[in-house]
Amino acid sequence: MSDYLRFYVRSLPKSGHGELTRIANHLRISTTMLSQILSGQRAFNTDQAFELSEYLQLTDIETDYLYLLVEVEKAGTHKNKNYFKKNRAYEIRIT
């Protein structure tokens, strides 16, 4: 998910200068925490993912996919990660 967010920011005019600060403010988190999330040290929680989906104006299916990415990142075992990748991704495709 962090790759998508970095790509989104870089695709904005002026390479998204100041956009990460605006995103952090919208999510009500510090820029340090957002930086940790983007570097993989931390993960979004579902409330933050929802706020991010609103900020990015994602569609319902894009929001579902964002939640899936959060679940995969937060999963503790490879077995759990694989479950979300296989089963939940399939559910999103057929709805």
PDB file of N, CA and C in Angstrom:
ATOM      1  N   MET A   1       0.816  -1.181   0.000  1.00  0.00           N
ATOM      2  CA  MET A   1       0.000   0.000   0.000  1.00  0.00           C
ATOM      3  C   MET A   1       0.867   1.254   0.000  1.00  0.00           C
ATOM      4  N   SER A   2       1.971   1.197   0.708  1.00  0.00           N
ATOM      5  CA  SER A   2       2.821   2.380   0.776  1.00  0.00           C
ATOM      6  C   SER A   2       3.383   2.736  -0.598  1.00  0.00           C
ATOM      7  N   ASP A   3       3.622   1.717  -1.441  1.00  0.00           N
ATOM      8  CA  ASP A   3       4.100   2.000  -2.798  1.00  0.00           C
ATOM      9  C   ASP A   3       3.066   2.802  -3.578  1.00  0.00           C
ATOM     10  N   TYR A   4       1.796   2.424  -3.438  1.00  0.00           N
ATOM     11  CA  TYR A   4       0.731   3.146  -4.133  1.00  0.00           C
ATOM     12  C   TYR A   4       0.672   4.592  -3.665  1.00  0.00           C
ATOM     13  N   LEU A   5       0.747   4.800  -2.360  1.00  0.00           N
ATOM     14  CA  LEU A   5       0.644   6.152  -1.821  1.00  0.00           C
ATOM     15  C   LEU A   5       1.815   7.011  -2.286  1.00  0.00           C
ATOM     16  N   ARG A   6       3.017   6.441  -2.300  1.00  0.00           N
ATOM     17  CA  ARG A   6       4.180   7.195  -2.799  1.00  0.00           C
ATOM     18  C   ARG A   6       4.003   7.528  -4.282  1.00  0.00           C
ATOM     19  N   PHE A   7       3.519   6.564  -5.071  1.00  0.00           N
ATOM     20  CA  PHE A   7       3.284   6.804  -6.491  1.00  0.00           C
ATOM     21  C   PHE A   7       2.249   7.910  -6.680  1.00  0.00           C
ATOM     22  N   TYR A   8       1.166   7.852  -5.905  1.00  0.00           N
ATOM     23  CA  TYR A   8       0.114   8.863  -5.985  1.00  0.00           C
ATOM     24  C   TYR A   8       0.686  10.249  -5.717  1.00  0.00           C
ATOM     25  N   VAL A   9       1.468  10.370  -4.658  1.00  0.00           N
ATOM     26  CA  VAL A   9       2.022  11.676  -4.283  1.00  0.00           C
ATOM     27  C   VAL A   9       2.968  12.177  -5.365  1.00  0.00           C
ATOM     28  N   ARG A  10       3.841  11.301  -5.879  1.00  0.00           N
ATOM     29  CA  ARG A  10       4.786  11.728  -6.916  1.00  0.00           C
ATOM     30  C   ARG A  10       4.095  12.127  -8.213  1.00  0.00           C
ATOM     31  N   SER A  11       2.899  11.599  -8.456  1.00  0.00           N
ATOM     32  CA  SER A  11       2.195  11.904  -9.702  1.00  0.00           C
ATOM     33  C   SER A  11       1.487  13.258  -9.663  1.00  0.00           C
ATOM     34  N   LEU A  12       1.430  13.870  -8.496  1.00  0.00           N
ATOM     35  CA  LEU A  12       0.776  15.170  -8.355  1.00  0.00           C
ATOM     36  C   LEU A  12       1.679  16.279  -8.881  1.00  0.00           C
ATOM     37  N   PRO A  13       1.092  17.439  -9.209  1.00  0.00           N
ATOM     38  CA  PRO A  13       1.925  18.573  -9.618  1.00  0.00           C
ATOM     39  C   PRO A  13       2.980  18.878  -8.556  1.00  0.00           C
ATOM     40  N   LYS A  14       4.147  19.293  -9.005  1.00  0.00           N
ATOM     41  CA  LYS A  14       5.291  19.588  -8.131  1.00  0.00           C
ATOM     42  C   LYS A  14       5.675  18.372  -7.291  1.00  0.00           C
ATOM     43  N   SER A  15       5.471  17.191  -7.847  1.00  0.00           N
ATOM     44  CA  SER A  15       5.766  15.917  -7.167  1.00  0.00           C
ATOM     45  C   SER A  15       5.101  15.819  -5.806  1.00  0.00           C
ATOM     46  N   GLY A  16       3.955  16.456  -5.679  1.00  0.00           N
ATOM     47  CA  GLY A  16       3.177  16.355  -4.447  1.00  0.00           C
ATOM     48  C   GLY A  16       3.785  17.063  -3.261  1.00  0.00           C
ATOM     49  N   HIS A  17       4.542  18.116  -3.527  1.00  0.00           N
ATOM     50  CA  HIS A  17       5.186  18.851  -2.430  1.00  0.00           C
ATOM     51  C   HIS A  17       4.158  19.237  -1.363  1.00  0.00           C
ATOM     52  N   GLY A  18       4.370  18.795  -0.135  1.00  0.00           N
ATOM     53  CA  GLY A  18       3.474  19.098   0.974  1.00  0.00           C
ATOM     54  C   GLY A  18       2.288  18.159   1.111  1.00  0.00           C
ATOM     55  N   GLU A  19       2.130  17.244   0.167  1.00  0.00           N
ATOM     56  CA  GLU A  19       0.954  16.364   0.183  1.00  0.00           C
ATOM     57  C   GLU A  19       0.976  15.395   1.361  1.00  0.00           C
ATOM     58  N   LEU A  20       2.137  14.863   1.698  1.00  0.00           N
ATOM     59  CA  LEU A  20       2.205  13.934   2.830  1.00  0.00           C
ATOM     60  C   LEU A  20       1.802  14.624   4.130  1.00  0.00           C
ATOM     61  N   THR A  21       2.146  15.884   4.272  1.00  0.00           N
ATOM     62  CA  THR A  21       1.724  16.644   5.455  1.00  0.00           C
ATOM     63  C   THR A  21       0.213  16.797   5.462  1.00  0.00           C
ATOM     64  N   ARG A  22      -0.374  17.093   4.306  1.00  0.00           N
ATOM     65  CA  ARG A  22      -1.831  17.222   4.226  1.00  0.00           C
ATOM     66  C   ARG A  22      -2.516  15.889   4.532  1.00  0.00           C
ATOM     67  N   ILE A  23      -1.949  14.803   4.030  1.00  0.00           N
ATOM     68  CA  ILE A  23      -2.521  13.480   4.307  1.00  0.00           C
ATOM     69  C   ILE A  23      -2.429  13.181   5.799  1.00  0.00           C
ATOM     70  N   ALA A  24      -1.275  13.418   6.393  1.00  0.00           N
ATOM     71  CA  ALA A  24      -1.102  13.174   7.834  1.00  0.00           C
ATOM     72  C   ALA A  24      -2.100  14.000   8.637  1.00  0.00           C
ATOM     73  N   ASN A  25      -2.278  15.254   8.273  1.00  0.00           N
ATOM     74  CA  ASN A  25      -3.247  16.106   8.974  1.00  0.00           C
ATOM     75  C   ASN A  25      -4.662  15.556   8.829  1.00  0.00           C
ATOM     76  N   HIS A  26      -5.015  15.106   7.637  1.00  0.00           N
ATOM     77  CA  HIS A  26      -6.355  14.554   7.408  1.00  0.00           C
ATOM     78  C   HIS A  26      -6.572  13.291   8.247  1.00  0.00           C
ATOM     79  N   LEU A  27      -5.531  12.481   8.373  1.00  0.00           N
ATOM     80  CA  LEU A  27      -5.624  11.239   9.142  1.00  0.00           C
ATOM     81  C   LEU A  27      -5.469  11.479  10.644  1.00  0.00           C
ATOM     82  N   ARG A  28      -5.137  12.704  11.002  1.00  0.00           N
ATOM     83  CA  ARG A  28      -4.893  13.076  12.402  1.00  0.00           C
ATOM     84  C   ARG A  28      -3.760  12.250  13.015  1.00  0.00           C
ATOM     85  N   ILE A  29      -2.681  12.110  12.229  1.00  0.00           N
ATOM     86  CA  ILE A  29      -1.473  11.457  12.721  1.00  0.00           C
ATOM     87  C   ILE A  29      -0.295  12.375  12.422  1.00  0.00           C
ATOM     88  N   SER A  30       0.818  12.122  13.072  1.00  0.00           N
ATOM     89  CA  SER A  30       2.004  12.946  12.831  1.00  0.00           C
ATOM     90  C   SER A  30       2.640  12.558  11.496  1.00  0.00           C
ATOM     91  N   THR A  31       3.404  13.483  10.949  1.00  0.00           N
ATOM     92  CA  THR A  31       4.130  13.176   9.719  1.00  0.00           C
ATOM     93  C   THR A  31       5.172  12.086   9.983  1.00  0.00           C
ATOM     94  N   THR A  32       5.685  12.036  11.214  1.00  0.00           N
ATOM     95  CA  THR A  32       6.632  10.977  11.582  1.00  0.00           C
ATOM     96  C   THR A  32       5.963   9.614  11.492  1.00  0.00           C
ATOM     97  N   MET A  33       4.748   9.513  12.023  1.00  0.00           N
ATOM     98  CA  MET A  33       4.029   8.239  11.962  1.00  0.00           C
ATOM     99  C   MET A  33       3.729   7.859  10.514  1.00  0.00           C
ATOM    100  N   LEU A  34       3.322   8.825   9.701  1.00  0.00           N
ATOM    101  CA  LEU A  34       3.057   8.532   8.290  1.00  0.00           C
ATOM    102  C   LEU A  34       4.329   8.047   7.610  1.00  0.00           C
ATOM    103  N   SER A  35       5.446   8.668   7.926  1.00  0.00           N
ATOM    104  CA  SER A  35       6.725   8.240   7.369  1.00  0.00           C
ATOM    105  C   SER A  35       7.055   6.811   7.789  1.00  0.00           C
ATOM    106  N   GLN A  36       6.766   6.467   9.043  1.00  0.00           N
ATOM    107  CA  GLN A  36       7.000   5.104   9.522  1.00  0.00           C
ATOM    108  C   GLN A  36       6.094   4.106   8.802  1.00  0.00           C
ATOM    109  N   ILE A  37       4.871   4.509   8.528  1.00  0.00           N
ATOM    110  CA  ILE A  37       3.947   3.644   7.784  1.00  0.00           C
ATOM    111  C   ILE A  37       4.471   3.422   6.369  1.00  0.00           C
ATOM    112  N   LEU A  38       4.920   4.493   5.733  1.00  0.00           N
ATOM    113  CA  LEU A  38       5.408   4.380   4.359  1.00  0.00           C
ATOM    114  C   LEU A  38       6.696   3.570   4.266  1.00  0.00           C
ATOM    115  N   SER A  39       7.479   3.555   5.347  1.00  0.00           N
ATOM    116  CA  SER A  39       8.729   2.782   5.333  1.00  0.00           C
ATOM    117  C   SER A  39       8.517   1.336   5.767  1.00  0.00           C
ATOM    118  N   GLY A  40       7.286   0.993   6.175  1.00  0.00           N
ATOM    119  CA  GLY A  40       6.988  -0.376   6.570  1.00  0.00           C
ATOM    120  C   GLY A  40       7.207  -0.675   8.042  1.00  0.00           C
ATOM    121  N   GLN A  41       7.588   0.320   8.828  1.00  0.00           N
ATOM    122  CA  GLN A  41       7.799   0.104  10.259  1.00  0.00           C
ATOM    123  C   GLN A  41       6.487  -0.003  11.024  1.00  0.00           C
ATOM    124  N   ARG A  42       5.459   0.613  10.518  1.00  0.00           N
ATOM    125  CA  ARG A  42       4.129   0.580  11.129  1.00  0.00           C
ATOM    126  C   ARG A  42       3.117   0.321  10.028  1.00  0.00           C
ATOM    127  N   ALA A  43       1.859   0.159  10.413  1.00  0.00           N
ATOM    128  CA  ALA A  43       0.796  -0.079   9.428  1.00  0.00           C
ATOM    129  C   ALA A  43      -0.405   0.795   9.766  1.00  0.00           C
ATOM    130  N   PHE A  44      -1.180   1.118   8.747  1.00  0.00           N
ATOM    131  CA  PHE A  44      -2.432   1.833   8.967  1.00  0.00           C
ATOM    132  C   PHE A  44      -3.381   0.945   9.752  1.00  0.00           C
ATOM    133  N   ASN A  45      -4.215   1.540  10.594  1.00  0.00           N
ATOM    134  CA  ASN A  45      -5.330   0.786  11.159  1.00  0.00           C
ATOM    135  C   ASN A  45      -6.531   1.005  10.240  1.00  0.00           C
ATOM    136  N   THR A  46      -7.621   0.315  10.497  1.00  0.00           N
ATOM    137  CA  THR A  46      -8.759   0.397   9.575  1.00  0.00           C
ATOM    138  C   THR A  46      -9.393   1.784   9.567  1.00  0.00           C
ATOM    139  N   ASP A  47      -9.381   2.480  10.701  1.00  0.00           N
ATOM    140  CA  ASP A  47      -9.930   3.842  10.719  1.00  0.00           C
ATOM    141  C   ASP A  47      -9.101   4.769   9.838  1.00  0.00           C
ATOM    142  N   GLN A  48      -7.795   4.641   9.931  1.00  0.00           N
ATOM    143  CA  GLN A  48      -6.917   5.459   9.097  1.00  0.00           C
ATOM    144  C   GLN A  48      -7.082   5.098   7.626  1.00  0.00           C
ATOM    145  N   ALA A  49      -7.257   3.820   7.338  1.00  0.00           N
ATOM    146  CA  ALA A  49      -7.468   3.391   5.952  1.00  0.00           C
ATOM    147  C   ALA A  49      -8.756   3.990   5.397  1.00  0.00           C
ATOM    148  N   PHE A  50      -9.797   4.027   6.228  1.00  0.00           N
ATOM    149  CA  PHE A  50     -11.059   4.617   5.782  1.00  0.00           C
ATOM    150  C   PHE A  50     -10.885   6.108   5.506  1.00  0.00           C
ATOM    151  N   GLU A  51     -10.229   6.808   6.421  1.00  0.00           N
ATOM    152  CA  GLU A  51      -9.988   8.243   6.224  1.00  0.00           C
ATOM    153  C   GLU A  51      -9.147   8.485   4.971  1.00  0.00           C
ATOM    154  N   LEU A  52      -8.151   7.632   4.753  1.00  0.00           N
ATOM    155  CA  LEU A  52      -7.315   7.763   3.562  1.00  0.00           C
ATOM    156  C   LEU A  52      -8.137   7.535   2.301  1.00  0.00           C
ATOM    157  N   SER A  53      -9.030   6.556   2.333  1.00  0.00           N
ATOM    158  CA  SER A  53      -9.866   6.291   1.154  1.00  0.00           C
ATOM    159  C   SER A  53     -10.759   7.487   0.839  1.00  0.00           C
ATOM    160  N   GLU A  54     -11.250   8.149   1.879  1.00  0.00           N
ATOM    161  CA  GLU A  54     -12.046   9.362   1.648  1.00  0.00           C
ATOM    162  C   GLU A  54     -11.177  10.474   1.080  1.00  0.00           C
ATOM    163  N   TYR A  55      -9.994  10.649   1.634  1.00  0.00           N
ATOM    164  CA  TYR A  55      -9.083  11.700   1.170  1.00  0.00           C
ATOM    165  C   TYR A  55      -8.730  11.495  -0.301  1.00  0.00           C
ATOM    166  N   LEU A  56      -8.476  10.238  -0.668  1.00  0.00           N
ATOM    167  CA  LEU A  56      -8.102   9.926  -2.048  1.00  0.00           C
ATOM    168  C   LEU A  56      -9.310   9.795  -2.968  1.00  0.00           C
ATOM    169  N   GLN A  57     -10.510   9.894  -2.407  1.00  0.00           N
ATOM    170  CA  GLN A  57     -11.766   9.776  -3.144  1.00  0.00           C
ATOM    171  C   GLN A  57     -11.838   8.444  -3.908  1.00  0.00           C
ATOM    172  N   LEU A  58     -11.546   7.364  -3.177  1.00  0.00           N
ATOM    173  CA  LEU A  58     -11.577   6.037  -3.784  1.00  0.00           C
ATOM    174  C   LEU A  58     -13.011   5.554  -3.953  1.00  0.00           C
ATOM    175  N   THR A  59     -13.211   4.698  -4.933  1.00  0.00           N
ATOM    176  CA  THR A  59     -14.511   4.056  -5.121  1.00  0.00           C
ATOM    177  C   THR A  59     -14.681   2.990  -4.039  1.00  0.00           C
ATOM    178  N   ASP A  60     -15.869   2.402  -3.959  1.00  0.00           N
ATOM    179  CA  ASP A  60     -16.115   1.356  -2.962  1.00  0.00           C
ATOM    180  C   ASP A  60     -15.182   0.162  -3.157  1.00  0.00           C
ATOM    181  N   ILE A  61     -15.004  -0.265  -4.393  1.00  0.00           N
ATOM    182  CA  ILE A  61     -14.144  -1.433  -4.623  1.00  0.00           C
ATOM    183  C   ILE A  61     -12.684  -1.093  -4.332  1.00  0.00           C
ATOM    184  N   GLU A  62     -12.262   0.126  -4.628  1.00  0.00           N
ATOM    185  CA  GLU A  62     -10.900   0.543  -4.298  1.00  0.00           C
ATOM    186  C   GLU A  62     -10.707   0.597  -2.784  1.00  0.00           C
ATOM    187  N   THR A  63     -11.746   1.033  -2.070  1.00  0.00           N
ATOM    188  CA  THR A  63     -11.688   1.061  -0.610  1.00  0.00           C
ATOM    189  C   THR A  63     -11.602  -0.354  -0.056  1.00  0.00           C
ATOM    190  N   ASP A  64     -12.379  -1.280  -0.623  1.00  0.00           N
ATOM    191  CA  ASP A  64     -12.289  -2.683  -0.209  1.00  0.00           C
ATOM    192  C   ASP A  64     -10.871  -3.215  -0.401  1.00  0.00           C
ATOM    193  N   TYR A  65     -10.274  -2.874  -1.522  1.00  0.00           N
ATOM    194  CA  TYR A  65      -8.914  -3.332  -1.793  1.00  0.00           C
ATOM    195  C   TYR A  65      -7.927  -2.708  -0.808  1.00  0.00           C
ATOM    196  N   LEU A  66      -8.134  -1.454  -0.469  1.00  0.00           N
ATOM    197  CA  LEU A  66      -7.279  -0.786   0.515  1.00  0.00           C
ATOM    198  C   LEU A  66      -7.368  -1.500   1.860  1.00  0.00           C
ATOM    199  N   TYR A  67      -8.590  -1.857   2.272  1.00  0.00           N
ATOM    200  CA  TYR A  67      -8.755  -2.618   3.517  1.00  0.00           C
ATOM    201  C   TYR A  67      -8.021  -3.957   3.437  1.00  0.00           C
ATOM    202  N   LEU A  68      -8.087  -4.612   2.289  1.00  0.00           N
ATOM    203  CA  LEU A  68      -7.375  -5.874   2.110  1.00  0.00           C
ATOM    204  C   LEU A  68      -5.877  -5.670   2.306  1.00  0.00           C
ATOM    205  N   LEU A  69      -5.338  -4.611   1.735  1.00  0.00           N
ATOM    206  CA  LEU A  69      -3.910  -4.334   1.899  1.00  0.00           C
ATOM    207  C   LEU A  69      -3.554  -4.113   3.363  1.00  0.00           C
ATOM    208  N   VAL A  70      -4.426  -3.425   4.094  1.00  0.00           N
ATOM    209  CA  VAL A  70      -4.195  -3.201   5.527  1.00  0.00           C
ATOM    210  C   VAL A  70      -4.210  -4.535   6.267  1.00  0.00           C
ATOM    211  N   GLU A  71      -5.182  -5.392   5.947  1.00  0.00           N
ATOM    212  CA  GLU A  71      -5.269  -6.703   6.601  1.00  0.00           C
ATOM    213  C   GLU A  71      -4.029  -7.544   6.321  1.00  0.00           C
ATOM    214  N   VAL A  72      -3.551  -7.512   5.098  1.00  0.00           N
ATOM    215  CA  VAL A  72      -2.357  -8.278   4.738  1.00  0.00           C
ATOM    216  C   VAL A  72      -1.148  -7.747   5.498  1.00  0.00           C
ATOM    217  N   GLU A  73      -1.004  -6.428   5.564  1.00  0.00           N
ATOM    218  CA  GLU A  73       0.135  -5.840   6.269  1.00  0.00           C
ATOM    219  C   GLU A  73       0.108  -6.160   7.759  1.00  0.00           C
ATOM    220  N   LYS A  74      -1.078  -6.222   8.345  1.00  0.00           N
ATOM    221  CA  LYS A  74      -1.191  -6.445   9.780  1.00  0.00           C
ATOM    222  C   LYS A  74      -1.183  -7.926  10.160  1.00  0.00           C
ATOM    223  N   ALA A  75      -1.376  -8.807   9.192  1.00  0.00           N
ATOM    224  CA  ALA A  75      -1.405 -10.244   9.481  1.00  0.00           C
ATOM    225  C   ALA A  75      -0.059 -10.683  10.052  1.00  0.00           C
ATOM    226  N   GLY A  76      -0.119 -11.502  11.094  1.00  0.00           N
ATOM    227  CA  GLY A  76       1.100 -11.882  11.796  1.00  0.00           C
ATOM    228  C   GLY A  76       1.850 -13.053  11.197  1.00  0.00           C
ATOM    229  N   THR A  77       1.156 -13.945  10.510  1.00  0.00           N
ATOM    230  CA  THR A  77       1.816 -15.135   9.965  1.00  0.00           C
ATOM    231  C   THR A  77       1.664 -15.175   8.449  1.00  0.00           C
ATOM    232  N   HIS A  78       2.555 -15.919   7.817  1.00  0.00           N
ATOM    233  CA  HIS A  78       2.461 -16.069   6.357  1.00  0.00           C
ATOM    234  C   HIS A  78       1.163 -16.765   5.967  1.00  0.00           C
ATOM    235  N   LYS A  79       0.726 -17.717   6.795  1.00  0.00           N
ATOM    236  CA  LYS A  79      -0.522 -18.430   6.522  1.00  0.00           C
ATOM    237  C   LYS A  79      -1.695 -17.453   6.504  1.00  0.00           C
ATOM    238  N   ASN A  80      -1.723 -16.557   7.481  1.00  0.00           N
ATOM    239  CA  ASN A  80      -2.782 -15.555   7.555  1.00  0.00           C
ATOM    240  C   ASN A  80      -2.685 -14.581   6.379  1.00  0.00           C
ATOM    241  N   LYS A  81      -1.482 -14.134   6.046  1.00  0.00           N
ATOM    242  CA  LYS A  81      -1.291 -13.228   4.907  1.00  0.00           C
ATOM    243  C   LYS A  81      -1.802 -13.881   3.621  1.00  0.00           C
ATOM    244  N   ASN A  82      -1.435 -15.155   3.438  1.00  0.00           N
ATOM    245  CA  ASN A  82      -1.864 -15.863   2.228  1.00  0.00           C
ATOM    246  C   ASN A  82      -3.376 -16.012   2.168  1.00  0.00           C
ATOM    247  N   TYR A  83      -4.012 -16.226   3.327  1.00  0.00           N
ATOM    248  CA  TYR A  83      -5.472 -16.310   3.361  1.00  0.00           C
ATOM    249  C   TYR A  83      -6.082 -15.029   2.810  1.00  0.00           C
ATOM    250  N   PHE A  84      -5.629 -13.898   3.326  1.00  0.00           N
ATOM    251  CA  PHE A  84      -6.189 -12.626   2.870  1.00  0.00           C
ATOM    252  C   PHE A  84      -5.903 -12.402   1.393  1.00  0.00           C
ATOM    253  N   LYS A  85      -4.700 -12.731   0.965  1.00  0.00           N
ATOM    254  CA  LYS A  85      -4.344 -12.515  -0.436  1.00  0.00           C
ATOM    255  C   LYS A  85      -5.208 -13.355  -1.371  1.00  0.00           C
ATOM    256  N   LYS A  86      -5.439 -14.613  -1.005  1.00  0.00           N
ATOM    257  CA  LYS A  86      -6.202 -15.508  -1.884  1.00  0.00           C
ATOM    258  C   LYS A  86      -7.706 -15.292  -1.770  1.00  0.00           C
ATOM    259  N   ASN A  87      -8.229 -15.461  -0.585  1.00  0.00           N
ATOM    260  CA  ASN A  87      -9.677 -15.471  -0.394  1.00  0.00           C
ATOM    261  C   ASN A  87     -10.308 -14.090  -0.466  1.00  0.00           C
ATOM    262  N   ARG A  88      -9.746 -13.141   0.215  1.00  0.00           N
ATOM    263  CA  ARG A  88     -10.345 -11.805   0.219  1.00  0.00           C
ATOM    264  C   ARG A  88     -10.203 -11.138  -1.147  1.00  0.00           C
ATOM    265  N   ALA A  89      -9.079 -11.322  -1.808  1.00  0.00           N
ATOM    266  CA  ALA A  89      -8.917 -10.739  -3.140  1.00  0.00           C
ATOM    267  C   ALA A  89      -9.941 -11.330  -4.099  1.00  0.00           C
ATOM    268  N   TYR A  90     -10.216 -12.625  -3.964  1.00  0.00           N
ATOM    269  CA  TYR A  90     -11.220 -13.272  -4.802  1.00  0.00           C
ATOM    270  C   TYR A  90     -12.594 -12.675  -4.530  1.00  0.00           C
ATOM    271  N   GLU A  91     -12.932 -12.462  -3.251  1.00  0.00           N
ATOM    272  CA  GLU A  91     -14.227 -11.868  -2.897  1.00  0.00           C
ATOM    273  C   GLU A  91     -14.378 -10.490  -3.516  1.00  0.00           C
ATOM    274  N   ILE A  92     -13.322  -9.711  -3.489  1.00  0.00           N
ATOM    275  CA  ILE A  92     -13.387  -8.352  -4.036  1.00  0.00           C
ATOM    276  C   ILE A  92     -13.605  -8.405  -5.542  1.00  0.00           C
ATOM    277  N   ARG A  93     -12.968  -9.352  -6.230  1.00  0.00           N
ATOM    278  CA  ARG A  93     -13.111  -9.446  -7.689  1.00  0.00           C
ATOM    279  C   ARG A  93     -14.524  -9.812  -8.112  1.00  0.00           C
ATOM    280  N   ILE A  94     -15.212 -10.665  -7.326  1.00  0.00           N
ATOM    281  CA  ILE A  94     -16.520 -11.139  -7.779  1.00  0.00           C
ATOM    282  C   ILE A  94     -17.669 -10.243  -7.347  1.00  0.00           C
ATOM    283  N   THR A  95     -17.428  -9.248  -6.521  1.00  0.00           N
ATOM    284  CA  THR A  95     -18.532  -8.386  -6.090  1.00  0.00           C
ATOM    285  C   THR A  95     -18.697  -7.211  -7.009  1.00  0.00           C
TER     286      THR A  95
END
